[in-house]
Structures are given as C-alpha cells and as structure tokens.
Amino acid sequence: VQLVESGGGLVQAGDSLRLSCAASGRTFSSYGMAWFRQAPGKEREFVAAIRWSDDITYYTDSVKGRFTISGDSAKNTVYLQMNSLKPEDTAVYYCANARRRLGDYDDWGQGTQVTVSS
C-alpha cells in the first residue's frame, strides 16, 4: 500500500491550496481517510477526516470553516481544500488511511510541505 500526497507549496496568508492524496496497492482497503499535520517542533496533529460510508467529515476546531476534506473512495483519493490560510497552518501535511475505523490509521503518506508566509 502506498499513499502519495501532492499540492503543497509556499503561499501567502489568505491564499488557498488544494492537497491531494492518492492511494494504491493490491491489498488497499479503506474505511475512511484523514489529514494530519506536523509543524516544526510540535507533535503531529489531526486536521480532518472523512468516512466513506456516509461521507461524514470531522475537523479540528482551528480549521473549521476554512478547510474542506473530500474524496472519491472508488479512486482511493482524498483531497484537502485549504482556504484563508494562516502562517500557523505551516506544517508538513500527511494523509492517512483507516482500514477499519477512523482514529486507527494503518497507512501513511510521506508528507507534503505547506508554508504560509505573513
């Protein structure tokens, strides 16, 4: 199983970015997928998740109203639309796959850097 993120970059505060994560592998199975991020000197934190069965989404409070998670379970792809970016959103963003339940992530991508300048 392989998860590959893309779409990161350097933007200014207030700008938007769209991250993508594509999963592949013959044994790949997914209950839902999520995005996490890790800023320098900080622990990795949950950002957003989506459950495929009913497209229910979850967000950490700091991104509610600004970020939107979406995806296509048939294509094993998840996206993170990030609007109104702030310097505190600067981090490496990782996608993760849950095979059985959200909160228990089995597969991880290598990460993509998002840098927001003020």
Protein backbone atom coordinates (compact mmCIF):
# COMPACT_ATOMS: atom_id res chain seq x y z
CA VAL A 1 0.00 0.00 0.00
CA GLN A 2 1.30 3.44 -0.93
CA LEU A 3 -0.14 6.88 -0.20
CA VAL A 4 1.27 9.81 -2.14
CA GLU A 5 0.46 13.41 -1.27
CA SER A 6 0.82 16.36 -3.60
CA GLY A 7 -0.18 20.00 -3.85
CA GLY A 8 1.88 21.57 -1.11
CA GLY A 9 3.84 24.76 -1.59
CA LEU A 10 4.66 28.27 -0.45
CA VAL A 11 1.77 30.72 -0.32
CA GLN A 12 0.89 33.98 1.36
CA ALA A 13 -1.57 34.41 4.19
CA GLY A 14 -5.11 34.43 2.85
CA ASP A 15 -4.30 32.25 -0.14
CA SER A 16 -5.66 28.79 -0.90
CA LEU A 17 -4.13 25.40 -1.62
CA ARG A 18 -5.57 22.03 -2.51
CA LEU A 19 -3.78 18.92 -1.33
CA SER A 20 -4.33 15.55 -2.94
CA CYS A 21 -3.56 12.05 -1.73
CA ALA A 22 -3.72 9.01 -3.98
CA ALA A 23 -3.60 5.51 -2.58
CA SER A 24 -2.52 2.43 -4.44
CA GLY A 25 -1.77 -1.21 -3.80
CA ARG A 26 -3.46 -4.50 -4.48
CA THR A 27 -4.37 -5.01 -0.83
CA PHE A 28 -5.63 -1.49 -0.24
CA SER A 29 -8.87 -1.21 1.69
CA SER A 30 -10.35 1.88 3.30
CA TYR A 31 -12.99 2.72 5.87
CA GLY A 32 -12.04 6.38 5.75
CA MET A 33 -9.13 8.72 5.27
CA ALA A 34 -7.70 11.68 7.09
CA TRP A 35 -5.22 14.52 7.01
CA PHE A 36 -2.75 15.25 9.77
CA ARG A 37 -0.06 17.90 10.03
CA GLN A 38 3.15 18.43 11.93
CA ALA A 39 4.68 21.84 12.45
CA PRO A 40 8.36 22.28 13.37
CA GLY A 41 8.96 21.39 16.98
CA LYS A 42 5.40 20.18 17.51
CA GLU A 43 3.66 16.85 17.60
CA ARG A 44 1.63 15.61 14.67
CA GLU A 45 -2.00 16.73 14.98
CA PHE A 46 -5.28 15.67 13.43
CA VAL A 47 -6.71 18.05 10.82
CA ALA A 48 -9.69 16.40 9.12
CA ALA A 49 -11.21 13.02 8.30
CA ILE A 50 -13.87 11.56 6.06
CA ARG A 51 -15.81 8.31 6.43
CA TRP A 52 -16.63 6.76 3.09
CA SER A 53 -19.86 5.00 4.05
CA ASP A 54 -21.78 8.23 4.55
CA ASP A 55 -19.28 10.99 3.70
CA ILE A 56 -19.37 12.23 7.28
CA THR A 57 -16.48 14.62 7.89
CA TYR A 58 -14.62 15.73 11.01
CA TYR A 59 -12.36 18.74 11.56
CA THR A 60 -10.15 20.09 14.24
CA ASP A 61 -11.51 23.39 15.55
CA SER A 62 -8.71 25.54 14.17
CA VAL A 63 -9.57 24.71 10.55
CA LYS A 64 -13.36 24.59 10.68
CA GLY A 65 -14.86 26.91 8.09
CA ARG A 66 -11.56 27.19 6.21
CA PHE A 67 -10.62 23.63 5.23
CA THR A 68 -12.74 21.05 3.43
CA ILE A 69 -11.96 17.36 3.13
CA SER A 70 -13.44 15.41 0.23
CA GLY A 71 -12.62 12.40 -1.81
CA ASP A 72 -13.53 9.54 -4.05
CA SER A 73 -13.44 6.13 -2.41
CA ALA A 74 -13.68 4.40 -5.79
CA LYS A 75 -10.48 6.15 -6.84
CA ASN A 76 -8.84 5.83 -3.42
CA THR A 77 -8.23 9.56 -3.43
CA VAL A 78 -8.73 12.20 -0.78
CA TYR A 79 -8.39 15.97 -1.01
CA LEU A 80 -7.96 18.83 1.41
CA GLN A 81 -9.08 22.23 0.18
CA MET A 82 -7.45 24.87 2.35
CA ASN A 83 -8.74 28.43 2.16
CA SER A 84 -7.84 31.57 4.08
CA LEU A 85 -4.51 30.07 5.02
CA LYS A 86 -2.68 31.44 8.04
CA PRO A 87 1.01 31.33 8.99
CA GLU A 88 0.09 28.91 11.80
CA ASP A 89 -1.07 26.42 9.15
CA THR A 90 2.56 25.97 8.13
CA ALA A 91 3.42 22.30 8.54
CA VAL A 92 4.09 19.05 6.77
CA TYR A 93 0.73 17.58 5.86
CA TYR A 94 0.22 13.83 5.86
CA CYS A 95 -2.65 11.74 4.60
CA ALA A 96 -3.61 8.57 6.40
CA ASN A 97 -5.87 5.61 5.73
CA ALA A 98 -8.06 3.78 8.20
CA ARG A 99 -8.90 0.24 7.21
CA ARG A 100 -11.43 -0.48 9.97
CA ARG A 101 -12.37 2.69 11.83
CA LEU A 102 -11.47 6.35 11.99
CA GLY A 103 -8.95 7.05 14.68
CA ASP A 104 -7.00 3.90 13.93
CA TYR A 105 -4.78 4.68 10.95
CA ASP A 106 -2.93 1.91 9.22
CA ASP A 107 -1.27 3.55 6.23
CA TRP A 108 0.54 6.89 5.95
CA GLY A 109 1.92 9.05 3.20
CA GLN A 110 5.33 10.67 3.17
CA GLY A 111 4.00 14.19 3.64
CA THR A 112 3.89 17.41 1.66
CA GLN A 113 5.15 20.77 2.92
CA VAL A 114 2.80 23.71 3.23
CA THR A 115 4.37 27.05 4.10
CA VAL A 116 2.27 30.16 4.65
CA SER A 117 4.08 33.47 4.79
CA SER A 118 2.69 36.51 6.57
